[in-house]
Amino acid sequence: MPENQFQRMVYAFITVIITVHAYVFYSLYVVNGNVLMQVNEASSVISAINKQGGVYMCGTYLPIWACVLIEFCLAYLLENVMGSPLSFKLACRVFNPEKNHPMMFETAIICATVGLMCPAMSFIAAWLYYPYYAGFNIFTLLANWLKLVCFNFPFAYFSQLFFIQPVVRVIFSIFMKHMPQKS
């Protein structure tokens, strides 16, 4: 696990890279894939996205890589400012890192991070992917936010707990072995 600020930022960087790609795939293919293919009369999601000129974001159509980049920047900022610091504090309120098994403490941190980041990133996504062409309504925004939280929370919880964080720990440990050690 990360021990200093630089290591925490590297750990967050690795986590966010994997997570953003997973969420873009999940949102475009799993949640919205059928609708995209029906609306654009396409046989695959990627051809539907290409046919409509990209992914609808911020009131315009952007290439997928631009959506990934925007979401990465926002998620990385949010993870470093809110996610990591608050999830550690929340986990410490329930578990003592010196007395409890490290896996229990890490699981508590993951659960707290999902509990904080999922609603926050879903709120940001509700703004980014809002159907501005139909006019703005605060109740539509809030309904979209709630819908996104309901779709994203189960995926976030299980993917972070059983896939993303174990992979990140392995990648991070490899990274740390190749870092010069302080004497």
N, C-alpha and C. Protein backbone atom coordinates (compact mmCIF):
# COMPACT_ATOMS: atom_id res chain seq x y z
N MET A 1 0.84 -1.19 0.00
CA MET A 1 0.00 0.00 0.00
C MET A 1 0.89 1.25 0.00
N PRO A 2 0.36 2.34 -0.53
CA PRO A 2 1.13 3.58 -0.58
C PRO A 2 1.47 4.11 0.80
N GLU A 3 2.68 4.65 0.92
CA GLU A 3 3.14 5.15 2.22
C GLU A 3 3.30 6.66 2.25
N ASN A 4 3.53 7.29 1.11
CA ASN A 4 3.70 8.74 1.09
C ASN A 4 2.83 9.35 -0.01
N GLN A 5 2.85 10.66 -0.11
CA GLN A 5 1.97 11.36 -1.06
C GLN A 5 2.26 10.97 -2.50
N PHE A 6 3.52 10.85 -2.87
CA PHE A 6 3.86 10.47 -4.24
C PHE A 6 3.31 9.08 -4.57
N GLN A 7 3.50 8.14 -3.64
CA GLN A 7 3.00 6.78 -3.85
C GLN A 7 1.48 6.76 -3.92
N ARG A 8 0.81 7.57 -3.10
CA ARG A 8 -0.65 7.64 -3.16
C ARG A 8 -1.12 8.17 -4.51
N MET A 9 -0.40 9.15 -5.06
CA MET A 9 -0.77 9.70 -6.35
C MET A 9 -0.54 8.69 -7.48
N VAL A 10 0.54 7.93 -7.38
CA VAL A 10 0.80 6.88 -8.37
C VAL A 10 -0.26 5.79 -8.27
N TYR A 11 -0.59 5.39 -7.06
CA TYR A 11 -1.62 4.38 -6.83
C TYR A 11 -2.96 4.86 -7.40
N ALA A 12 -3.31 6.11 -7.13
CA ALA A 12 -4.55 6.69 -7.66
C ALA A 12 -4.52 6.74 -9.18
N PHE A 13 -3.36 7.08 -9.74
CA PHE A 13 -3.20 7.16 -11.20
C PHE A 13 -3.48 5.80 -11.84
N ILE A 14 -2.89 4.76 -11.31
CA ILE A 14 -3.10 3.41 -11.84
C ILE A 14 -4.57 3.01 -11.69
N THR A 15 -5.13 3.27 -10.52
CA THR A 15 -6.53 2.94 -10.27
C THR A 15 -7.46 3.64 -11.25
N VAL A 16 -7.25 4.94 -11.43
CA VAL A 16 -8.14 5.73 -12.28
C VAL A 16 -8.00 5.34 -13.75
N ILE A 17 -6.79 5.02 -14.19
CA ILE A 17 -6.63 4.58 -15.58
C ILE A 17 -7.49 3.34 -15.85
N ILE A 18 -7.39 2.36 -14.98
CA ILE A 18 -8.16 1.13 -15.17
C ILE A 18 -9.65 1.39 -15.00
N THR A 19 -10.02 2.13 -13.97
CA THR A 19 -11.42 2.37 -13.66
C THR A 19 -12.13 3.14 -14.75
N VAL A 20 -11.53 4.21 -15.26
CA VAL A 20 -12.19 5.02 -16.29
C VAL A 20 -12.43 4.19 -17.55
N HIS A 21 -11.44 3.42 -17.96
CA HIS A 21 -11.64 2.58 -19.14
C HIS A 21 -12.76 1.56 -18.90
N ALA A 22 -12.79 0.97 -17.70
CA ALA A 22 -13.84 0.01 -17.38
C ALA A 22 -15.22 0.67 -17.42
N TYR A 23 -15.33 1.89 -16.88
CA TYR A 23 -16.61 2.57 -16.85
C TYR A 23 -17.07 3.04 -18.22
N VAL A 24 -16.16 3.50 -19.03
CA VAL A 24 -16.55 3.92 -20.38
C VAL A 24 -17.06 2.70 -21.14
N PHE A 25 -16.35 1.58 -21.05
CA PHE A 25 -16.82 0.35 -21.69
C PHE A 25 -18.18 -0.05 -21.13
N TYR A 26 -18.31 -0.07 -19.80
CA TYR A 26 -19.56 -0.47 -19.15
C TYR A 26 -20.70 0.44 -19.58
N SER A 27 -20.50 1.75 -19.56
CA SER A 27 -21.57 2.69 -19.91
C SER A 27 -21.97 2.59 -21.37
N LEU A 28 -20.98 2.54 -22.27
CA LEU A 28 -21.29 2.52 -23.69
C LEU A 28 -21.80 1.17 -24.18
N TYR A 29 -21.18 0.11 -23.73
CA TYR A 29 -21.52 -1.21 -24.26
C TYR A 29 -22.61 -1.91 -23.46
N VAL A 30 -22.47 -1.95 -22.15
CA VAL A 30 -23.41 -2.73 -21.34
C VAL A 30 -24.70 -1.96 -21.10
N VAL A 31 -24.62 -0.73 -20.61
CA VAL A 31 -25.81 0.03 -20.25
C VAL A 31 -26.51 0.60 -21.48
N ASN A 32 -25.77 1.25 -22.37
CA ASN A 32 -26.39 1.96 -23.49
C ASN A 32 -26.18 1.33 -24.85
N GLY A 33 -25.52 0.19 -24.92
CA GLY A 33 -25.17 -0.42 -26.20
C GLY A 33 -26.35 -0.72 -27.10
N ASN A 34 -27.38 -1.36 -26.56
CA ASN A 34 -28.54 -1.70 -27.38
C ASN A 34 -29.25 -0.47 -27.92
N VAL A 35 -29.40 0.55 -27.10
CA VAL A 35 -30.06 1.78 -27.54
C VAL A 35 -29.24 2.45 -28.64
N LEU A 36 -27.93 2.52 -28.45
CA LEU A 36 -27.07 3.13 -29.47
C LEU A 36 -27.20 2.39 -30.80
N MET A 37 -27.21 1.06 -30.75
CA MET A 37 -27.32 0.28 -31.99
C MET A 37 -28.69 0.44 -32.65
N GLN A 38 -29.76 0.52 -31.85
CA GLN A 38 -31.11 0.68 -32.41
C GLN A 38 -31.29 2.06 -33.03
N VAL A 39 -30.89 3.09 -32.30
CA VAL A 39 -31.07 4.46 -32.78
C VAL A 39 -30.28 4.71 -34.06
N ASN A 40 -29.07 4.16 -34.13
CA ASN A 40 -28.20 4.40 -35.29
C ASN A 40 -28.27 3.28 -36.33
N GLU A 41 -29.18 2.32 -36.11
CA GLU A 41 -29.34 1.19 -37.03
C GLU A 41 -27.99 0.59 -37.40
N ALA A 42 -27.24 0.21 -36.36
CA ALA A 42 -25.91 -0.36 -36.54
C ALA A 42 -25.87 -1.75 -35.94
N SER A 43 -24.90 -2.55 -36.39
CA SER A 43 -24.79 -3.92 -35.90
C SER A 43 -23.84 -4.06 -34.72
N SER A 44 -23.07 -3.01 -34.42
CA SER A 44 -22.18 -3.04 -33.26
C SER A 44 -22.18 -1.67 -32.59
N VAL A 45 -21.77 -1.67 -31.36
CA VAL A 45 -21.76 -0.41 -30.60
C VAL A 45 -20.76 0.57 -31.19
N ILE A 46 -19.57 0.10 -31.52
CA ILE A 46 -18.55 1.01 -32.06
C ILE A 46 -19.00 1.60 -33.39
N SER A 47 -19.67 0.82 -34.23
CA SER A 47 -20.16 1.38 -35.50
C SER A 47 -21.30 2.36 -35.25
N ALA A 48 -22.11 2.12 -34.22
CA ALA A 48 -23.17 3.08 -33.87
C ALA A 48 -22.57 4.40 -33.39
N ILE A 49 -21.53 4.31 -32.57
CA ILE A 49 -20.86 5.52 -32.08
C ILE A 49 -20.22 6.28 -33.24
N ASN A 50 -19.56 5.56 -34.13
CA ASN A 50 -18.94 6.21 -35.29
C ASN A 50 -20.00 6.82 -36.21
N LYS A 51 -21.13 6.14 -36.37
CA LYS A 51 -22.20 6.64 -37.25
C LYS A 51 -22.80 7.94 -36.73
N GLN A 52 -22.90 8.06 -35.41
CA GLN A 52 -23.46 9.30 -34.86
C GLN A 52 -22.40 10.39 -34.66
N GLY A 53 -21.16 10.08 -34.97
CA GLY A 53 -20.10 11.10 -34.90
C GLY A 53 -19.39 11.17 -33.57
N GLY A 54 -19.51 10.14 -32.74
CA GLY A 54 -18.84 10.11 -31.45
C GLY A 54 -19.82 9.88 -30.31
N VAL A 55 -19.35 10.17 -29.11
CA VAL A 55 -20.16 10.02 -27.91
C VAL A 55 -20.70 11.39 -27.53
N TYR A 56 -22.01 11.46 -27.24
CA TYR A 56 -22.61 12.73 -26.85
C TYR A 56 -22.14 13.11 -25.45
N MET A 57 -21.41 14.22 -25.37
CA MET A 57 -20.89 14.70 -24.09
C MET A 57 -20.78 16.22 -24.15
N CYS A 58 -21.21 16.87 -23.09
CA CYS A 58 -21.13 18.33 -22.98
C CYS A 58 -21.85 19.03 -24.14
N GLY A 59 -22.95 18.44 -24.60
CA GLY A 59 -23.75 19.08 -25.64
C GLY A 59 -23.21 18.92 -27.05
N THR A 60 -22.19 18.09 -27.24
CA THR A 60 -21.62 17.86 -28.56
C THR A 60 -21.16 16.40 -28.67
N TYR A 61 -20.78 16.01 -29.85
CA TYR A 61 -20.28 14.65 -30.04
C TYR A 61 -18.76 14.67 -30.04
N LEU A 62 -18.19 13.85 -29.18
CA LEU A 62 -16.74 13.77 -29.03
C LEU A 62 -16.26 12.35 -29.30
N PRO A 63 -15.02 12.21 -29.77
CA PRO A 63 -14.48 10.85 -29.92
C PRO A 63 -14.35 10.17 -28.55
N ILE A 64 -14.37 8.85 -28.56
CA ILE A 64 -14.30 8.10 -27.29
C ILE A 64 -13.05 8.48 -26.51
N TRP A 65 -11.91 8.64 -27.17
CA TRP A 65 -10.67 8.97 -26.45
C TRP A 65 -10.80 10.30 -25.71
N ALA A 66 -11.56 11.25 -26.27
CA ALA A 66 -11.75 12.54 -25.59
C ALA A 66 -12.60 12.36 -24.33
N CYS A 67 -13.61 11.50 -24.42
CA CYS A 67 -14.44 11.22 -23.24
C CYS A 67 -13.62 10.55 -22.15
N VAL A 68 -12.78 9.60 -22.55
CA VAL A 68 -11.91 8.91 -21.58
C VAL A 68 -10.96 9.91 -20.93
N LEU A 69 -10.38 10.79 -21.71
CA LEU A 69 -9.45 11.79 -21.18
C LEU A 69 -10.13 12.75 -20.22
N ILE A 70 -11.30 13.24 -20.57
CA ILE A 70 -12.05 14.16 -19.69
C ILE A 70 -12.42 13.46 -18.39
N GLU A 71 -12.96 12.25 -18.50
CA GLU A 71 -13.35 11.51 -17.29
C GLU A 71 -12.12 11.15 -16.45
N PHE A 72 -11.01 10.82 -17.10
CA PHE A 72 -9.79 10.51 -16.36
C PHE A 72 -9.35 11.72 -15.52
N CYS A 73 -9.28 12.89 -16.15
CA CYS A 73 -8.83 14.09 -15.43
C CYS A 73 -9.73 14.40 -14.24
N LEU A 74 -11.04 14.32 -14.45
CA LEU A 74 -11.98 14.61 -13.37
C LEU A 74 -11.91 13.55 -12.26
N ALA A 75 -11.83 12.29 -12.64
CA ALA A 75 -11.77 11.21 -11.64
C ALA A 75 -10.46 11.26 -10.86
N TYR A 76 -9.35 11.53 -11.54
CA TYR A 76 -8.05 11.59 -10.85
C TYR A 76 -8.04 12.74 -9.85
N LEU A 77 -8.55 13.89 -10.25
CA LEU A 77 -8.63 15.03 -9.34
C LEU A 77 -9.52 14.69 -8.14
N LEU A 78 -10.68 14.15 -8.40
CA LEU A 78 -11.62 13.82 -7.32
C LEU A 78 -11.06 12.74 -6.40
N GLU A 79 -10.38 11.76 -6.97
CA GLU A 79 -9.78 10.68 -6.16
C GLU A 79 -8.72 11.24 -5.21
N ASN A 80 -7.88 12.16 -5.70
CA ASN A 80 -6.82 12.72 -4.86
C ASN A 80 -7.32 13.74 -3.85
N VAL A 81 -8.35 14.48 -4.22
CA VAL A 81 -8.85 15.52 -3.32
C VAL A 81 -9.83 14.96 -2.29
N MET A 82 -10.71 14.04 -2.73
CA MET A 82 -11.76 13.56 -1.84
C MET A 82 -11.68 12.06 -1.57
N GLY A 83 -11.61 11.25 -2.61
CA GLY A 83 -11.74 9.80 -2.49
C GLY A 83 -10.75 9.16 -1.54
N SER A 84 -9.47 9.29 -1.83
CA SER A 84 -8.44 8.65 -0.99
C SER A 84 -8.41 9.17 0.44
N PRO A 85 -8.34 10.50 0.63
CA PRO A 85 -8.24 10.97 2.02
C PRO A 85 -9.46 10.63 2.87
N LEU A 86 -10.66 10.82 2.32
CA LEU A 86 -11.85 10.57 3.12
C LEU A 86 -12.12 9.09 3.33
N SER A 87 -11.82 8.27 2.33
CA SER A 87 -12.07 6.83 2.50
C SER A 87 -11.15 6.25 3.57
N PHE A 88 -9.91 6.73 3.63
CA PHE A 88 -9.00 6.27 4.69
C PHE A 88 -9.53 6.68 6.06
N LYS A 89 -10.00 7.91 6.18
CA LYS A 89 -10.55 8.37 7.47
C LYS A 89 -11.80 7.59 7.86
N LEU A 90 -12.67 7.32 6.88
CA LEU A 90 -13.88 6.54 7.18
C LEU A 90 -13.53 5.12 7.60
N ALA A 91 -12.56 4.51 6.93
CA ALA A 91 -12.15 3.14 7.29
C ALA A 91 -11.54 3.12 8.69
N CYS A 92 -10.80 4.16 9.04
CA CYS A 92 -10.19 4.25 10.38
C CYS A 92 -11.23 4.41 11.48
N ARG A 93 -12.41 4.92 11.15
CA ARG A 93 -13.47 5.06 12.14
C ARG A 93 -14.05 3.70 12.52
N VAL A 94 -13.94 2.73 11.60
CA VAL A 94 -14.51 1.41 11.83
C VAL A 94 -13.44 0.40 12.23
N PHE A 95 -12.29 0.47 11.58
CA PHE A 95 -11.21 -0.49 11.81
C PHE A 95 -9.96 0.23 12.25
N ASN A 96 -9.17 -0.45 13.08
CA ASN A 96 -7.88 0.05 13.49
C ASN A 96 -6.83 -0.63 12.62
N PRO A 97 -6.08 0.13 11.81
CA PRO A 97 -5.12 -0.51 10.90
C PRO A 97 -4.02 -1.30 11.63
N GLU A 98 -3.73 -0.97 12.88
CA GLU A 98 -2.70 -1.70 13.62
C GLU A 98 -3.25 -2.98 14.26
N LYS A 99 -4.54 -3.02 14.53
CA LYS A 99 -5.11 -4.18 15.23
C LYS A 99 -5.84 -5.14 14.30
N ASN A 100 -6.48 -4.62 13.27
CA ASN A 100 -7.26 -5.46 12.37
C ASN A 100 -6.40 -6.02 11.25
N HIS A 101 -6.86 -7.11 10.69
CA HIS A 101 -6.16 -7.75 9.57
C HIS A 101 -6.07 -6.76 8.41
N PRO A 102 -4.91 -6.65 7.75
CA PRO A 102 -4.74 -5.68 6.66
C PRO A 102 -5.79 -5.83 5.54
N MET A 103 -6.20 -7.06 5.25
CA MET A 103 -7.19 -7.25 4.19
C MET A 103 -8.54 -6.67 4.58
N MET A 104 -8.89 -6.77 5.85
CA MET A 104 -10.15 -6.17 6.33
C MET A 104 -10.09 -4.65 6.20
N PHE A 105 -8.94 -4.10 6.56
CA PHE A 105 -8.79 -2.64 6.48
C PHE A 105 -8.81 -2.18 5.02
N GLU A 106 -8.12 -2.89 4.14
CA GLU A 106 -8.12 -2.53 2.72
C GLU A 106 -9.52 -2.65 2.12
N THR A 107 -10.25 -3.67 2.53
CA THR A 107 -11.63 -3.84 2.04
C THR A 107 -12.50 -2.69 2.52
N ALA A 108 -12.30 -2.25 3.75
CA ALA A 108 -13.06 -1.11 4.26
C ALA A 108 -12.73 0.16 3.46
N ILE A 109 -11.47 0.34 3.11
CA ILE A 109 -11.08 1.51 2.31
C ILE A 109 -11.74 1.44 0.93
N ILE A 110 -11.72 0.26 0.31
CA ILE A 110 -12.34 0.11 -1.01
C ILE A 110 -13.83 0.41 -0.94
N CYS A 111 -14.51 -0.13 0.07
CA CYS A 111 -15.94 0.12 0.21
C CYS A 111 -16.24 1.60 0.45
N ALA A 112 -15.44 2.24 1.27
CA ALA A 112 -15.63 3.67 1.52
C ALA A 112 -15.35 4.49 0.26
N THR A 113 -14.33 4.10 -0.49
CA THR A 113 -14.03 4.81 -1.73
C THR A 113 -15.18 4.70 -2.73
N VAL A 114 -15.71 3.50 -2.89
CA VAL A 114 -16.85 3.31 -3.79
C VAL A 114 -18.05 4.13 -3.30
N GLY A 115 -18.28 4.11 -2.00
CA GLY A 115 -19.40 4.86 -1.43
C GLY A 115 -19.28 6.36 -1.63
N LEU A 116 -18.07 6.87 -1.74
CA LEU A 116 -17.86 8.30 -1.97
C LEU A 116 -17.77 8.64 -3.46
N MET A 117 -16.96 7.86 -4.18
CA MET A 117 -16.66 8.19 -5.58
C MET A 117 -17.82 7.89 -6.53
N CYS A 118 -18.57 6.83 -6.28
CA CYS A 118 -19.66 6.49 -7.20
C CYS A 118 -20.71 7.59 -7.29
N PRO A 119 -21.25 8.07 -6.17
CA PRO A 119 -22.22 9.17 -6.30
C PRO A 119 -21.59 10.46 -6.85
N ALA A 120 -20.34 10.73 -6.47
CA ALA A 120 -19.70 11.97 -6.94
C ALA A 120 -19.44 11.91 -8.44
N MET A 121 -18.86 10.82 -8.93
CA MET A 121 -18.58 10.70 -10.37
C MET A 121 -19.88 10.55 -11.17
N SER A 122 -20.88 9.92 -10.59
CA SER A 122 -22.17 9.82 -11.27
C SER A 122 -22.81 11.21 -11.42
N PHE A 123 -22.62 12.06 -10.41
CA PHE A 123 -23.14 13.43 -10.50
C PHE A 123 -22.42 14.21 -11.60
N ILE A 124 -21.10 14.04 -11.65
CA ILE A 124 -20.33 14.69 -12.72
C ILE A 124 -20.78 14.16 -14.08
N ALA A 125 -20.96 12.85 -14.18
CA ALA A 125 -21.41 12.24 -15.45
C ALA A 125 -22.81 12.72 -15.83
N ALA A 126 -23.66 12.94 -14.83
CA ALA A 126 -25.01 13.45 -15.12
C ALA A 126 -24.93 14.82 -15.79
N TRP A 127 -23.98 15.63 -15.39
CA TRP A 127 -23.76 16.94 -16.04
C TRP A 127 -23.12 16.78 -17.42
N LEU A 128 -22.10 15.92 -17.50
CA LEU A 128 -21.37 15.76 -18.77
C LEU A 128 -22.25 15.17 -19.87
N TYR A 129 -23.08 14.18 -19.52
CA TYR A 129 -23.87 13.47 -20.52
C TYR A 129 -25.34 13.92 -20.54
N TYR A 130 -25.62 15.05 -19.92
CA TYR A 130 -26.99 15.56 -19.88
C TYR A 130 -27.47 15.87 -21.31
N PRO A 131 -28.72 15.56 -21.63
CA PRO A 131 -29.24 15.85 -22.98
C PRO A 131 -29.59 17.34 -23.14
N TYR A 132 -28.55 18.15 -23.29
CA TYR A 132 -28.75 19.60 -23.36
C TYR A 132 -29.60 20.02 -24.56
N TYR A 133 -29.63 19.21 -25.61
CA TYR A 133 -30.43 19.53 -26.79
C TYR A 133 -31.91 19.64 -26.45
N ALA A 134 -32.36 19.02 -25.35
CA ALA A 134 -33.77 19.04 -24.94
C ALA A 134 -34.07 20.17 -23.96
N GLY A 135 -33.08 21.04 -23.67
CA GLY A 135 -33.26 22.07 -22.66
C GLY A 135 -32.83 21.52 -21.30
N PHE A 136 -32.61 22.40 -20.35
CA PHE A 136 -32.14 21.98 -19.04
C PHE A 136 -33.27 22.00 -18.02
N ASN A 137 -33.33 20.95 -17.20
CA ASN A 137 -34.29 20.85 -16.11
C ASN A 137 -33.57 20.19 -14.94
N ILE A 138 -33.59 20.83 -13.79
CA ILE A 138 -32.88 20.32 -12.61
C ILE A 138 -33.41 18.95 -12.19
N PHE A 139 -34.72 18.72 -12.36
CA PHE A 139 -35.29 17.43 -11.98
C PHE A 139 -34.82 16.31 -12.93
N THR A 140 -34.64 16.64 -14.19
CA THR A 140 -34.09 15.67 -15.14
C THR A 140 -32.66 15.35 -14.76
N LEU A 141 -31.89 16.37 -14.39
CA LEU A 141 -30.51 16.15 -13.96
C LEU A 141 -30.46 15.23 -12.74
N LEU A 142 -31.28 15.51 -11.74
CA LEU A 142 -31.30 14.70 -10.52
C LEU A 142 -31.77 13.27 -10.81
N ALA A 143 -32.75 13.11 -11.69
CA ALA A 143 -33.22 11.77 -12.07
C ALA A 143 -32.12 11.02 -12.80
N ASN A 144 -31.41 11.70 -13.70
CA ASN A 144 -30.29 11.07 -14.41
C ASN A 144 -29.19 10.67 -13.43
N TRP A 145 -28.93 11.54 -12.44
CA TRP A 145 -27.92 11.22 -11.43
C TRP A 145 -28.30 9.97 -10.64
N LEU A 146 -29.54 9.91 -10.18
CA LEU A 146 -30.01 8.75 -9.43
C LEU A 146 -29.94 7.49 -10.29
N LYS A 147 -30.33 7.59 -11.55
CA LYS A 147 -30.26 6.45 -12.47
C LYS A 147 -28.81 5.98 -12.62
N LEU A 148 -27.88 6.93 -12.78
CA LEU A 148 -26.47 6.57 -12.92
C LEU A 148 -25.93 5.90 -11.66
N VAL A 149 -26.30 6.41 -10.51
CA VAL A 149 -25.85 5.78 -9.25
C VAL A 149 -26.38 4.35 -9.17
N CYS A 150 -27.64 4.15 -9.52
CA CYS A 150 -28.23 2.80 -9.47
C CYS A 150 -27.55 1.85 -10.45
N PHE A 151 -27.19 2.33 -11.63
CA PHE A 151 -26.47 1.50 -12.60
C PHE A 151 -25.02 1.27 -12.17
N ASN A 152 -24.37 2.32 -11.70
CA ASN A 152 -22.93 2.27 -11.46
C ASN A 152 -22.52 1.64 -10.14
N PHE A 153 -23.33 1.80 -9.09
CA PHE A 153 -22.90 1.34 -7.78
C PHE A 153 -22.60 -0.17 -7.73
N PRO A 154 -23.49 -1.04 -8.21
CA PRO A 154 -23.15 -2.48 -8.15
C PRO A 154 -21.90 -2.80 -8.97
N PHE A 155 -21.77 -2.19 -10.15
CA PHE A 155 -20.58 -2.41 -10.96
C PHE A 155 -19.34 -1.90 -10.26
N ALA A 156 -19.43 -0.72 -9.67
CA ALA A 156 -18.29 -0.13 -8.96
C ALA A 156 -17.87 -1.01 -7.80
N TYR A 157 -18.81 -1.43 -7.02
CA TYR A 157 -18.50 -2.22 -5.83
C TYR A 157 -17.80 -3.53 -6.20
N PHE A 158 -18.41 -4.29 -7.08
CA PHE A 158 -17.84 -5.61 -7.40
C PHE A 158 -16.57 -5.50 -8.24
N SER A 159 -16.52 -4.57 -9.17
CA SER A 159 -15.31 -4.46 -9.99
C SER A 159 -14.13 -3.96 -9.15
N GLN A 160 -14.35 -3.00 -8.27
CA GLN A 160 -13.26 -2.50 -7.43
C GLN A 160 -12.80 -3.56 -6.43
N LEU A 161 -13.73 -4.23 -5.81
CA LEU A 161 -13.39 -5.19 -4.76
C LEU A 161 -12.72 -6.45 -5.32
N PHE A 162 -13.21 -6.96 -6.44
CA PHE A 162 -12.75 -8.26 -6.92
C PHE A 162 -11.84 -8.21 -8.15
N PHE A 163 -11.76 -7.08 -8.83
CA PHE A 163 -10.93 -7.03 -10.02
C PHE A 163 -9.94 -5.87 -10.01
N ILE A 164 -10.44 -4.66 -9.98
CA ILE A 164 -9.57 -3.49 -10.18
C ILE A 164 -8.54 -3.34 -9.08
N GLN A 165 -8.96 -3.34 -7.82
CA GLN A 165 -7.99 -3.13 -6.74
C GLN A 165 -6.97 -4.27 -6.62
N PRO A 166 -7.36 -5.54 -6.78
CA PRO A 166 -6.31 -6.57 -6.79
C PRO A 166 -5.29 -6.37 -7.92
N VAL A 167 -5.77 -6.00 -9.11
CA VAL A 167 -4.85 -5.75 -10.23
C VAL A 167 -3.97 -4.54 -9.94
N VAL A 168 -4.54 -3.50 -9.38
CA VAL A 168 -3.77 -2.29 -9.05
C VAL A 168 -2.70 -2.61 -8.02
N ARG A 169 -3.02 -3.42 -7.01
CA ARG A 169 -2.02 -3.78 -6.00
C ARG A 169 -0.84 -4.52 -6.63
N VAL A 170 -1.12 -5.41 -7.58
CA VAL A 170 -0.04 -6.14 -8.26
C VAL A 170 0.81 -5.17 -9.09
N ILE A 171 0.17 -4.33 -9.88
CA ILE A 171 0.90 -3.35 -10.70
C ILE A 171 1.70 -2.40 -9.82
N PHE A 172 1.09 -1.93 -8.73
CA PHE A 172 1.76 -1.01 -7.82
C PHE A 172 2.98 -1.67 -7.16
N SER A 173 2.86 -2.93 -6.78
CA SER A 173 4.00 -3.62 -6.15
C SER A 173 5.14 -3.78 -7.16
N ILE A 174 4.82 -4.04 -8.43
CA ILE A 174 5.86 -4.11 -9.47
C ILE A 174 6.52 -2.75 -9.64
N PHE A 175 5.71 -1.70 -9.66
CA PHE A 175 6.23 -0.34 -9.78
C PHE A 175 7.16 -0.01 -8.61
N MET A 176 6.77 -0.39 -7.40
CA MET A 176 7.55 -0.06 -6.21
C MET A 176 8.88 -0.83 -6.17
N LYS A 177 8.92 -2.03 -6.74
CA LYS A 177 10.17 -2.80 -6.79
C LYS A 177 11.19 -2.12 -7.68
N HIS A 178 10.73 -1.37 -8.68
CA HIS A 178 11.65 -0.73 -9.63
C HIS A 178 11.97 0.71 -9.25
N MET A 179 11.38 1.19 -8.17
CA MET A 179 11.69 2.55 -7.68
C MET A 179 12.95 2.51 -6.83
N PRO A 180 13.80 3.52 -6.95
CA PRO A 180 15.00 3.55 -6.08
C PRO A 180 14.57 3.72 -4.62
N GLN A 181 15.21 2.96 -3.77
CA GLN A 181 14.89 3.00 -2.33
C GLN A 181 15.74 4.07 -1.65
N LYS A 182 15.12 4.71 -0.64
CA LYS A 182 15.86 5.70 0.15
C LYS A 182 16.84 4.99 1.07
N SER A 183 18.01 5.56 1.23
CA SER A 183 19.03 4.94 2.09
C SER A 183 18.95 5.47 3.49
